[in-house]
Amino acid sequence: MSTSQRVLRNATLLATQTISSVVISVLVNGYIAKKLGPSDYGKFVFGFSFATIFSIFSDLGLYGWGVREIARHREKTAEILGDIVAIRTVLSLLVFGVICFAVNALRLPESTRLVVYIGSASVVLLGCQFANTWIVFEAHESARFEGTSNLICRFLVGALSIMAVYHGFGFIQVSLIYMLGYGTEAIYCFIILKRHFVLPRFHISFKKYVYEIKAALPFAFLSLFTIVYYEIDKNMLAFIKGDTSVGLYNAATTIVYKCAIISGALAIAILPPMINDFKVSAEKLGDNVSHMIPLLLMLGIPISIVGTVFAPDIIHLIYRSSDYSASVLTLQILIWMVPFEFLSHILRFSLIAADKQIAATFISGITVFINICLNVVFITRFDFNGAALATVVAEATSVMLLLAYFTINVVRIQVNIKIVAVITAGILTGICTYFLRRVVNLWSFPVGASFYLIQILLFRILSKDDLKVLISAFRSES
C-alpha cells in the first residue's frame, strides 16, 4: 500500500469515527442555541472562544513538535511525552491565571466572566491533558483513539446539555457540563495511553526544557495563527456588533467547521507518513500530495454545494427557530471555505513534513493578517455575513500562497486532469441540484448525489486501488 493510500485509509477510519461526534455536536449546538437564544448563546460561544485563543500559550508549539519528534523516534516516546507533560502543565496553570486577570481588567459582565473562567478551566487545564495523549496517538498513526475519545465526550456533553436546557438551565450550567466532558475525555485518553502505549517518563532538566521550547517555537506561531484565524472573527464581532451577532454567526460556523472535520482527519493522518516520504525524496512527497488534491476536492466541493443549495433547510432542521433565519446567507457564504480548507491543511502539513514549518508559519501569519483586515472592513459594513466573506477570501489566499511556495521551494505539484474533472463534476452537479430543488425540493439531494457519483466514476477520479483502500478501511482497522 502506497503512502497516499495509507493516508487515505487512516483518514477514512478517523473521519468515519468522528462523523458521528460531528452529527451529535451540530444537533446539540442547534438545540442549545434555540433554547438559549442568540444573545445568551453568543455569551456561551464567546467564553470558550476567548479561552481558546489564550490556549496557544499553554502549548508553545509542543504539540506539533511532539508529533514530529515521536514519529521520527518512536523508541523515545515515554521521554518526549514526559517532557511535554511537564512543560505544558506548568504553562497551562500560568495561562489560566493570566486569563483570570485579563477578563477582570476588561471589566466584562459578571456572567460573561464566569463563562470565560469555566471555558478556560476546560480548554486550558483539562484540554491540555488529553491533548498530550493525542500527540502519541497521532505520531503512532493510531488517531482512531482520538476519534473515539471525541465521540464519548460529545455523547456525554450532548445528553447532559439537552437535559439541562430542557429543564430551564442557562448557559452557565451548560458551560459546566462542557467542563465535565473535557474531564471525562482526559480520563479516557489516559486509560488508552496506559493500555496501548507507554506512560510519560519524567527526567527534570530545565536546560533540556528550554531547548525543546526553542525547537517548538515555529509550531507555536503556526498554532497561534491557526487559533486566531478561527476565533478572531467571533471576538471581533462581539466587540464591534455584540453578542447577538456572535450567536447568529456561530450558528453557521458550527456547521461549517464541523463539516471540515474530514480535513482535520486527513491532517492528523498525513504527517507521520509524509515525514517518512520526505526522507526518501521530495519527489515522492510531491507525488503523494498531487494524488491527494483531487480526492480532497472530490470531498470538499459537494459539501459546499449542499450547504449552498440546502442552507434554508439545514438551518431550519438544526435550529428550528426563526431567530436564526438570518444565518442562512452566512452559511451559504462560509461553506465555500471547506474545499479551500481541505487543500490548505494538506499543503501546510506537507511543508512541515519537508522541514519547512517556518514557511508554513509565515504564510499562516500573512493569512491571519489578511483575515483581520478584511474583518475590520466587512464586519463594519456587512455584520456577521462580512465575517463569513472575510474567512472565505482569506482561506483561498492561503491555498494560493502555500501552493506557490511548495512548488517553488520543495517540488512541483502536478496539476493533473483529475482536478479539472472534479471541478467540472462539481459545477454540473451544482447547476443540476439548484434547478431540481425548485421543482422537487429535497428529492433533488439524492438525485444530485447520484449524478455526482456517476461523474466521479465516469471521469475515473477514484482509481481501483483507491476504492480498495476505502473498502478495506471499513472492514478492518488492522
Protein backbone atom coordinates (compact mmCIF):
# COMPACT_ATOMS: atom_id res chain seq x y z
CA MET A 1 0.00 0.00 0.00
CA SER A 2 1.47 3.41 -1.03
CA THR A 3 1.83 6.28 1.42
CA SER A 4 -1.04 8.22 -0.14
CA GLN A 5 -3.27 5.15 0.10
CA ARG A 6 -2.23 4.55 3.72
CA VAL A 7 -3.02 8.19 4.49
CA LEU A 8 -6.38 7.80 2.76
CA ARG A 9 -7.14 4.65 4.76
CA ASN A 10 -6.17 6.13 8.13
CA ALA A 11 -8.03 9.35 7.41
CA THR A 12 -11.12 7.40 6.37
CA LEU A 13 -11.05 5.48 9.64
CA LEU A 14 -10.72 8.62 11.71
CA ALA A 15 -13.27 10.60 9.69
CA THR A 16 -15.78 7.74 9.88
CA GLN A 17 -15.30 7.57 13.63
CA THR A 18 -15.66 11.28 14.16
CA ILE A 19 -18.59 11.94 11.81
CA SER A 20 -20.90 10.57 14.50
CA SER A 21 -19.46 13.02 17.03
CA VAL A 22 -19.88 15.81 14.48
CA VAL A 23 -23.55 14.99 13.96
CA ILE A 24 -24.12 14.89 17.72
CA SER A 25 -22.27 18.17 18.21
CA VAL A 26 -24.15 20.02 15.46
CA LEU A 27 -27.57 18.84 16.63
CA VAL A 28 -26.79 19.56 20.28
CA ASN A 29 -25.48 23.04 19.43
CA GLY A 30 -28.64 23.67 17.45
CA TYR A 31 -30.87 22.69 20.35
CA ILE A 32 -28.82 24.73 22.83
CA ALA A 33 -28.84 27.75 20.54
CA LYS A 34 -32.61 27.54 20.13
CA LYS A 35 -33.26 27.27 23.88
CA LEU A 36 -30.74 29.90 24.97
CA GLY A 37 -31.47 32.42 22.21
CA PRO A 38 -28.88 34.31 20.13
CA SER A 39 -27.73 36.62 22.96
CA ASP A 40 -27.07 34.01 25.70
CA TYR A 41 -25.76 31.56 23.12
CA GLY A 42 -23.36 34.28 21.97
CA LYS A 43 -22.05 34.70 25.54
CA PHE A 44 -21.51 30.94 25.81
CA VAL A 45 -19.61 30.88 22.49
CA PHE A 46 -17.54 33.94 23.40
CA GLY A 47 -16.43 32.40 26.72
CA PHE A 48 -14.94 29.29 25.13
CA SER A 49 -13.62 31.21 22.11
CA PHE A 50 -11.79 33.68 24.35
CA ALA A 51 -10.21 30.80 26.29
CA THR A 52 -9.24 29.01 23.07
CA ILE A 53 -7.24 31.99 21.81
CA PHE A 54 -5.18 32.05 25.01
CA SER A 55 -4.70 28.28 24.98
CA ILE A 56 -1.88 28.55 22.45
CA PHE A 57 0.35 29.90 25.23
CA SER A 58 -0.14 26.69 27.20
CA ASP A 59 1.34 24.75 24.28
CA LEU A 60 4.01 26.93 22.63
CA GLY A 61 4.17 24.58 19.65
CA LEU A 62 4.99 21.48 21.70
CA TYR A 63 2.02 19.59 20.22
CA GLY A 64 3.24 19.79 16.61
CA TRP A 65 6.86 19.38 17.62
CA GLY A 66 5.98 16.34 19.74
CA VAL A 67 4.11 14.61 16.91
CA ARG A 68 7.07 15.10 14.58
CA GLU A 69 9.71 14.01 17.10
CA ILE A 70 7.84 10.91 18.28
CA ALA A 71 7.08 9.93 14.68
CA ARG A 72 10.82 10.13 13.97
CA HIS A 73 11.97 8.46 17.21
CA ARG A 74 9.21 6.18 18.48
CA GLU A 75 11.60 4.45 20.86
CA LYS A 76 11.80 7.75 22.80
CA THR A 77 8.03 8.15 23.19
CA ALA A 78 7.99 7.97 27.01
CA GLU A 79 10.81 10.51 27.44
CA ILE A 80 9.47 13.01 24.91
CA LEU A 81 5.95 12.72 26.30
CA GLY A 82 7.24 13.23 29.85
CA ASP A 83 8.95 16.47 28.86
CA ILE A 84 5.82 17.71 27.07
CA VAL A 85 3.52 16.91 30.01
CA ALA A 86 5.81 18.66 32.48
CA ILE A 87 6.22 21.82 30.41
CA ARG A 88 2.58 22.12 29.29
CA THR A 89 1.19 21.58 32.79
CA VAL A 90 3.19 24.50 34.17
CA LEU A 91 2.30 26.67 31.18
CA SER A 92 -1.41 25.87 31.43
CA LEU A 93 -1.52 26.96 35.08
CA LEU A 94 0.22 30.24 34.22
CA VAL A 95 -2.12 30.89 31.28
CA PHE A 96 -5.20 30.21 33.39
CA GLY A 97 -4.02 32.87 35.83
CA VAL A 98 -3.42 35.36 33.00
CA ILE A 99 -6.92 34.77 31.60
CA CYS A 100 -8.50 35.40 35.00
CA PHE A 101 -6.56 38.66 35.28
CA ALA A 102 -7.45 39.70 31.71
CA VAL A 103 -11.22 39.24 32.00
CA ASN A 104 -11.25 41.28 35.21
CA ALA A 105 -9.15 44.02 33.62
CA LEU A 106 -11.57 44.18 30.67
CA ARG A 107 -14.47 44.65 33.14
CA LEU A 108 -16.70 42.20 31.29
CA PRO A 109 -20.18 41.49 32.72
CA GLU A 110 -20.15 39.07 35.65
CA SER A 111 -21.95 36.28 33.78
CA THR A 112 -19.56 36.58 30.83
CA ARG A 113 -16.54 36.45 33.16
CA LEU A 114 -17.87 33.29 34.78
CA VAL A 115 -18.26 31.56 31.39
CA VAL A 116 -14.69 32.56 30.49
CA TYR A 117 -13.43 31.07 33.79
CA ILE A 118 -15.24 27.80 33.09
CA GLY A 119 -14.15 27.75 29.45
CA SER A 120 -10.55 28.38 30.47
CA ALA A 121 -10.58 25.58 33.03
CA SER A 122 -11.98 23.28 30.33
CA VAL A 123 -9.82 24.24 27.37
CA VAL A 124 -6.57 25.27 29.05
CA LEU A 125 -6.34 22.99 32.10
CA LEU A 126 -8.26 19.83 31.16
CA GLY A 127 -7.89 20.09 27.38
CA CYS A 128 -4.13 20.30 27.77
CA GLN A 129 -4.05 16.90 29.48
CA PHE A 130 -5.92 14.82 26.92
CA ALA A 131 -4.20 16.69 24.08
CA ASN A 132 -0.89 15.35 25.42
CA THR A 133 -2.08 11.81 24.77
CA TRP A 134 -3.27 12.75 21.29
CA ILE A 135 0.34 13.55 20.41
CA VAL A 136 1.22 9.89 20.94
CA PHE A 137 -1.89 8.62 19.12
CA GLU A 138 -1.11 10.72 16.03
CA ALA A 139 2.63 10.02 15.98
CA HIS A 140 1.97 6.27 16.13
CA GLU A 141 -0.68 6.52 13.37
CA SER A 142 -3.38 5.40 15.84
CA ALA A 143 -5.54 8.50 15.71
CA ARG A 144 -8.67 6.33 15.85
CA PHE A 145 -8.31 6.55 19.65
CA GLU A 146 -8.57 10.30 19.32
CA GLY A 147 -11.79 9.90 17.35
CA THR A 148 -13.23 7.55 19.96
CA SER A 149 -12.44 9.95 22.82
CA ASN A 150 -14.16 12.74 20.92
CA LEU A 151 -17.23 10.59 20.35
CA ILE A 152 -17.51 9.68 24.04
CA CYS A 153 -17.12 13.31 25.09
CA ARG A 154 -19.68 14.59 22.57
CA PHE A 155 -22.23 11.97 23.54
CA LEU A 156 -21.88 12.73 27.26
CA VAL A 157 -21.93 16.50 26.80
CA GLY A 158 -24.79 16.30 24.31
CA ALA A 159 -27.05 14.21 26.51
CA LEU A 160 -26.45 16.29 29.65
CA SER A 161 -26.71 19.63 27.81
CA ILE A 162 -30.04 18.74 26.26
CA MET A 163 -31.37 17.69 29.65
CA ALA A 164 -30.10 20.92 31.22
CA VAL A 165 -31.62 23.39 28.76
CA TYR A 166 -34.82 21.33 28.56
CA HIS A 167 -35.28 21.84 32.30
CA GLY A 168 -34.61 25.57 32.02
CA PHE A 169 -30.95 25.82 32.98
CA GLY A 170 -28.89 28.57 31.35
CA PHE A 171 -25.53 28.99 29.63
CA ILE A 172 -23.55 28.86 32.90
CA GLN A 173 -24.80 25.33 33.64
CA VAL A 174 -24.17 24.27 30.04
CA SER A 175 -20.60 25.55 30.35
CA LEU A 176 -20.10 23.39 33.45
CA ILE A 177 -21.35 20.36 31.53
CA TYR A 178 -18.77 21.03 28.81
CA MET A 179 -16.08 21.14 31.51
CA LEU A 180 -17.27 17.74 32.74
CA GLY A 181 -16.93 16.42 29.18
CA TYR A 182 -13.35 17.66 28.94
CA GLY A 183 -12.52 15.93 32.22
CA THR A 184 -14.08 12.65 31.07
CA GLU A 185 -12.12 12.78 27.83
CA ALA A 186 -8.87 13.31 29.73
CA ILE A 187 -9.51 10.24 31.92
CA TYR A 188 -10.41 8.05 28.92
CA CYS A 189 -7.30 9.10 26.99
CA PHE A 190 -5.08 8.34 29.99
CA ILE A 191 -6.53 4.82 30.21
CA ILE A 192 -5.89 4.23 26.48
CA LEU A 193 -2.35 5.56 26.81
CA LYS A 194 -1.63 3.19 29.69
CA ARG A 195 -3.10 0.12 27.96
CA HIS A 196 -1.81 0.53 24.42
CA PHE A 197 1.27 2.76 24.59
CA VAL A 198 3.58 3.98 27.35
CA LEU A 199 3.15 6.39 30.24
CA PRO A 200 5.29 9.54 30.32
CA ARG A 201 8.72 9.20 31.88
CA PHE A 202 9.99 12.27 33.71
CA HIS A 203 13.60 13.43 33.82
CA ILE A 204 13.56 17.03 35.04
CA SER A 205 16.10 19.14 33.21
CA PHE A 206 15.44 22.85 32.77
CA LYS A 207 18.19 23.11 30.18
CA LYS A 208 16.52 20.40 28.08
CA TYR A 209 13.10 22.03 28.53
CA VAL A 210 14.43 25.36 27.25
CA TYR A 211 15.98 23.64 24.22
CA GLU A 212 12.72 21.86 23.40
CA ILE A 213 10.66 25.04 23.73
CA LYS A 214 13.02 26.82 21.33
CA ALA A 215 12.77 23.93 18.86
CA ALA A 216 8.95 24.05 19.09
CA LEU A 217 8.61 27.83 18.53
CA PRO A 218 7.86 27.61 14.77
CA PHE A 219 4.99 25.25 15.63
CA ALA A 220 3.91 27.69 18.37
CA PHE A 221 3.45 30.53 15.93
CA LEU A 222 1.71 28.20 13.48
CA SER A 223 -0.73 27.12 16.18
CA LEU A 224 -1.20 30.72 17.31
CA PHE A 225 -2.06 31.88 13.82
CA THR A 226 -4.40 28.93 13.30
CA ILE A 227 -6.33 29.54 16.52
CA VAL A 228 -6.50 33.30 15.98
CA TYR A 229 -7.67 32.69 12.41
CA TYR A 230 -10.63 30.58 13.53
CA GLU A 231 -11.54 32.56 16.65
CA ILE A 232 -10.76 36.22 15.93
CA ASP A 233 -13.90 36.84 13.87
CA LYS A 234 -16.16 35.85 16.78
CA ASN A 235 -14.26 38.06 19.19
CA MET A 236 -14.27 40.99 16.76
CA LEU A 237 -17.99 40.53 16.21
CA ALA A 238 -18.55 40.53 19.98
CA PHE A 239 -16.77 43.86 20.45
CA ILE A 240 -17.99 45.55 17.24
CA LYS A 241 -21.57 44.27 16.93
CA GLY A 242 -22.46 42.45 20.17
CA ASP A 243 -23.47 39.02 21.47
CA THR A 244 -26.44 38.54 19.12
CA SER A 245 -24.22 38.80 16.03
CA VAL A 246 -21.84 36.24 17.54
CA GLY A 247 -24.73 33.84 18.15
CA LEU A 248 -26.08 34.20 14.60
CA TYR A 249 -22.62 33.86 13.10
CA ASN A 250 -21.77 30.81 15.20
CA ALA A 251 -24.98 29.13 14.04
CA ALA A 252 -23.30 28.91 10.63
CA THR A 253 -19.70 28.36 11.74
CA THR A 254 -20.71 25.40 13.91
CA ILE A 255 -22.00 23.62 10.81
CA VAL A 256 -19.13 24.61 8.53
CA TYR A 257 -16.30 23.88 10.96
CA LYS A 258 -17.83 20.51 11.79
CA CYS A 259 -18.09 19.70 8.09
CA ALA A 260 -14.39 20.44 7.85
CA ILE A 261 -13.66 17.59 10.30
CA ILE A 262 -12.61 15.47 7.34
CA SER A 263 -9.74 17.83 6.56
CA GLY A 264 -8.70 17.63 10.19
CA ALA A 265 -8.75 13.84 9.98
CA LEU A 266 -6.57 13.94 6.88
CA ALA A 267 -4.17 16.39 8.51
CA ILE A 268 -3.81 14.12 11.53
CA ALA A 269 -3.27 11.08 9.32
CA ILE A 270 -0.86 12.70 6.92
CA LEU A 271 2.09 13.95 8.99
CA PRO A 272 3.93 10.77 10.11
CA PRO A 273 3.86 9.02 6.71
CA MET A 274 4.67 12.24 4.87
CA ILE A 275 7.72 12.73 7.10
CA ASN A 276 8.93 9.29 6.02
CA ASP A 277 8.18 10.15 2.38
CA PHE A 278 10.39 13.21 2.50
CA LYS A 279 13.22 11.09 3.94
CA VAL A 280 13.14 9.15 0.66
CA SER A 281 12.82 12.15 -1.68
CA ALA A 282 10.98 15.40 -2.21
CA GLU A 283 9.56 13.95 -5.43
CA LYS A 284 7.82 11.15 -3.53
CA LEU A 285 6.25 13.68 -1.18
CA GLY A 286 5.13 15.79 -4.14
CA ASP A 287 3.63 12.80 -5.96
CA ASN A 288 1.50 11.89 -2.96
CA VAL A 289 0.35 15.48 -2.45
CA SER A 290 -0.60 15.63 -6.14
CA HIS A 291 -2.56 12.41 -5.71
CA MET A 292 -4.42 13.70 -2.64
CA ILE A 293 -5.51 17.09 -4.06
CA PRO A 294 -8.25 15.80 -6.41
CA LEU A 295 -9.50 13.43 -3.68
CA LEU A 296 -9.80 16.35 -1.27
CA LEU A 297 -11.64 18.45 -3.85
CA MET A 298 -13.90 15.48 -4.54
CA LEU A 299 -14.97 15.59 -0.88
CA GLY A 300 -14.98 19.35 -0.32
CA ILE A 301 -16.85 20.62 -3.37
CA PRO A 302 -20.07 18.61 -2.82
CA ILE A 303 -20.15 19.75 0.82
CA SER A 304 -20.12 23.35 -0.42
CA ILE A 305 -22.82 22.61 -3.00
CA VAL A 306 -25.11 21.00 -0.42
CA GLY A 307 -24.51 23.85 2.05
CA THR A 308 -25.32 26.47 -0.57
CA VAL A 309 -28.42 24.88 -2.12
CA PHE A 310 -29.97 23.48 1.07
CA ALA A 311 -28.90 26.19 3.54
CA PRO A 312 -32.51 27.17 4.47
CA ASP A 313 -33.41 23.52 5.14
CA ILE A 314 -30.21 22.90 7.15
CA ILE A 315 -30.66 25.94 9.39
CA HIS A 316 -34.33 25.10 9.97
CA LEU A 317 -33.57 21.43 10.67
CA ILE A 318 -30.87 22.18 13.24
CA TYR A 319 -32.18 25.30 14.99
CA ARG A 320 -35.96 25.15 14.36
CA SER A 321 -36.37 28.82 15.20
CA SER A 322 -36.97 31.92 13.09
CA ASP A 323 -34.42 33.67 15.32
CA TYR A 324 -31.67 32.06 13.22
CA SER A 325 -33.11 32.63 9.74
CA ALA A 326 -30.54 35.39 9.21
CA SER A 327 -27.82 32.70 9.41
CA VAL A 328 -28.91 31.15 6.09
CA LEU A 329 -26.93 33.59 3.92
CA THR A 330 -23.99 33.32 6.34
CA LEU A 331 -23.92 29.56 5.83
CA GLN A 332 -24.16 29.91 2.05
CA ILE A 333 -21.10 32.15 2.06
CA LEU A 334 -19.00 30.42 4.72
CA ILE A 335 -19.50 26.88 3.37
CA TRP A 336 -17.18 27.70 0.46
CA MET A 337 -14.21 27.80 2.79
CA VAL A 338 -14.44 23.99 3.11
CA PRO A 339 -12.72 22.92 -0.16
CA PHE A 340 -10.07 25.61 0.36
CA GLU A 341 -9.50 24.42 3.91
CA PHE A 342 -9.11 20.83 2.72
CA LEU A 343 -6.28 21.94 0.43
CA SER A 344 -4.61 24.32 2.89
CA HIS A 345 -4.49 21.59 5.54
CA ILE A 346 -2.64 19.08 3.40
CA LEU A 347 -0.30 21.71 1.92
CA ARG A 348 0.57 23.12 5.36
CA PHE A 349 1.30 19.68 6.83
CA SER A 350 3.32 18.72 3.74
CA LEU A 351 5.53 21.76 4.32
CA ILE A 352 6.03 20.63 7.93
CA ALA A 353 6.96 17.16 6.69
CA ALA A 354 9.53 18.83 4.40
CA ASP A 355 11.04 20.74 7.38
CA LYS A 356 9.53 23.99 6.08
CA GLN A 357 7.47 24.75 9.18
CA ILE A 358 8.85 28.28 9.36
CA ALA A 359 7.50 28.99 5.89
CA ALA A 360 4.15 27.40 6.80
CA THR A 361 4.04 29.63 9.88
CA PHE A 362 4.90 32.76 7.91
CA ILE A 363 2.15 32.06 5.37
CA SER A 364 -0.34 31.42 8.18
CA GLY A 365 0.64 34.77 9.70
CA ILE A 366 0.00 36.54 6.39
CA THR A 367 -3.38 34.81 6.15
CA VAL A 368 -4.35 35.91 9.68
CA PHE A 369 -3.33 39.49 8.90
CA ILE A 370 -5.43 39.46 5.74
CA ASN A 371 -8.35 37.94 7.65
CA ILE A 372 -8.21 40.60 10.39
CA CYS A 373 -8.03 43.45 7.87
CA LEU A 374 -10.95 42.04 5.90
CA ASN A 375 -12.94 41.53 9.10
CA VAL A 376 -12.46 45.17 10.09
CA VAL A 377 -13.83 46.30 6.73
CA PHE A 378 -16.51 43.65 6.14
CA ILE A 379 -17.92 43.36 9.69
CA THR A 380 -18.45 47.10 9.86
CA ARG A 381 -20.36 47.01 6.58
CA PHE A 382 -21.99 43.56 6.43
CA ASP A 383 -22.04 42.45 10.11
CA PHE A 384 -21.68 38.65 10.55
CA ASN A 385 -22.02 38.00 6.80
CA GLY A 386 -18.92 40.14 6.38
CA ALA A 387 -17.03 37.89 8.79
CA ALA A 388 -18.02 34.88 6.68
CA LEU A 389 -16.86 36.54 3.46
CA ALA A 390 -13.55 37.53 5.06
CA THR A 391 -12.91 33.91 6.10
CA VAL A 392 -13.52 32.51 2.62
CA VAL A 393 -11.28 35.09 0.90
CA ALA A 394 -8.51 34.56 3.46
CA GLU A 395 -8.67 30.75 3.11
CA ALA A 396 -8.47 30.97 -0.70
CA THR A 397 -5.46 33.28 -0.38
CA SER A 398 -3.79 30.82 1.98
CA VAL A 399 -4.13 27.98 -0.55
CA MET A 400 -2.56 30.06 -3.33
CA LEU A 401 0.38 31.11 -1.16
CA LEU A 402 1.02 27.57 0.15
CA LEU A 403 0.78 26.06 -3.32
CA ALA A 404 3.16 28.64 -4.78
CA TYR A 405 5.74 28.18 -2.03
CA PHE A 406 5.61 24.37 -2.14
CA THR A 407 6.03 24.37 -5.93
CA ILE A 408 8.93 26.82 -5.89
CA ASN A 409 10.85 25.63 -2.81
CA VAL A 410 10.06 21.92 -2.35
CA VAL A 411 8.87 20.23 -5.53
CA ARG A 412 6.48 20.99 -8.35
CA ILE A 413 2.92 19.75 -7.80
CA GLN A 414 1.43 18.33 -10.95
CA VAL A 415 -1.96 19.79 -11.86
CA ASN A 416 -3.46 16.68 -13.44
CA ILE A 417 -6.67 16.12 -15.39
CA LYS A 418 -8.43 14.72 -12.33
CA ILE A 419 -8.52 18.17 -10.72
CA VAL A 420 -10.23 19.60 -13.79
CA ALA A 421 -12.63 16.65 -13.81
CA VAL A 422 -13.60 17.15 -10.15
CA ILE A 423 -14.27 20.86 -10.64
CA THR A 424 -16.31 20.14 -13.78
CA ALA A 425 -18.35 17.48 -11.97
CA GLY A 426 -18.96 19.92 -9.13
CA ILE A 427 -20.17 22.70 -11.43
CA LEU A 428 -22.54 20.40 -13.32
CA THR A 429 -23.87 18.90 -10.08
CA GLY A 430 -24.39 22.33 -8.54
CA ILE A 431 -26.40 23.58 -11.52
CA CYS A 432 -28.44 20.39 -11.64
CA THR A 433 -29.20 20.37 -7.90
CA TYR A 434 -30.11 24.07 -7.80
CA PHE A 435 -32.76 23.80 -10.51
CA LEU A 436 -34.04 20.43 -9.29
CA ARG A 437 -34.60 21.82 -5.77
CA ARG A 438 -37.01 24.39 -7.18
CA VAL A 439 -39.06 21.56 -8.69
CA VAL A 440 -38.80 18.54 -6.37
CA ASN A 441 -37.32 20.19 -3.24
CA LEU A 442 -35.41 17.70 -1.02
CA TRP A 443 -35.62 14.92 -3.60
CA SER A 444 -33.02 16.90 -5.51
CA PHE A 445 -30.42 15.81 -2.92
CA PRO A 446 -30.35 12.06 -3.74
CA VAL A 447 -30.66 12.84 -7.45
CA GLY A 448 -27.78 15.32 -7.30
CA ALA A 449 -25.64 12.93 -5.22
CA SER A 450 -26.23 10.11 -7.69
CA PHE A 451 -25.39 12.38 -10.61
CA TYR A 452 -22.14 13.42 -8.88
CA LEU A 453 -21.10 9.83 -8.11
CA ILE A 454 -21.76 8.79 -11.70
CA GLN A 455 -19.47 11.55 -12.93
CA ILE A 456 -16.77 10.56 -10.42
CA LEU A 457 -16.85 7.01 -11.77
CA LEU A 458 -17.01 8.08 -15.42
CA PHE A 459 -14.10 10.50 -15.05
CA ARG A 460 -12.17 7.82 -13.10
CA ILE A 461 -11.23 10.25 -10.36
CA LEU A 462 -11.04 7.34 -7.92
CA SER A 463 -8.72 4.57 -9.08
CA LYS A 464 -9.40 0.90 -8.42
CA ASP A 465 -6.67 0.92 -5.77
CA ASP A 466 -8.30 3.91 -4.04
CA LEU A 467 -11.63 2.11 -3.94
CA LYS A 468 -9.99 -1.00 -2.46
CA VAL A 469 -8.35 1.12 0.23
CA LEU A 470 -11.64 2.77 1.14
CA ILE A 471 -13.42 -0.57 1.34
CA SER A 472 -10.66 -2.11 3.47
CA ALA A 473 -10.84 0.84 5.86
CA PHE A 474 -14.39 -0.10 6.75
CA ARG A 475 -13.66 -3.83 7.01
CA SER A 476 -10.69 -3.80 9.32
CA GLU A 477 -8.51 -1.47 11.37
CA SER A 478 -5.53 -3.76 11.39
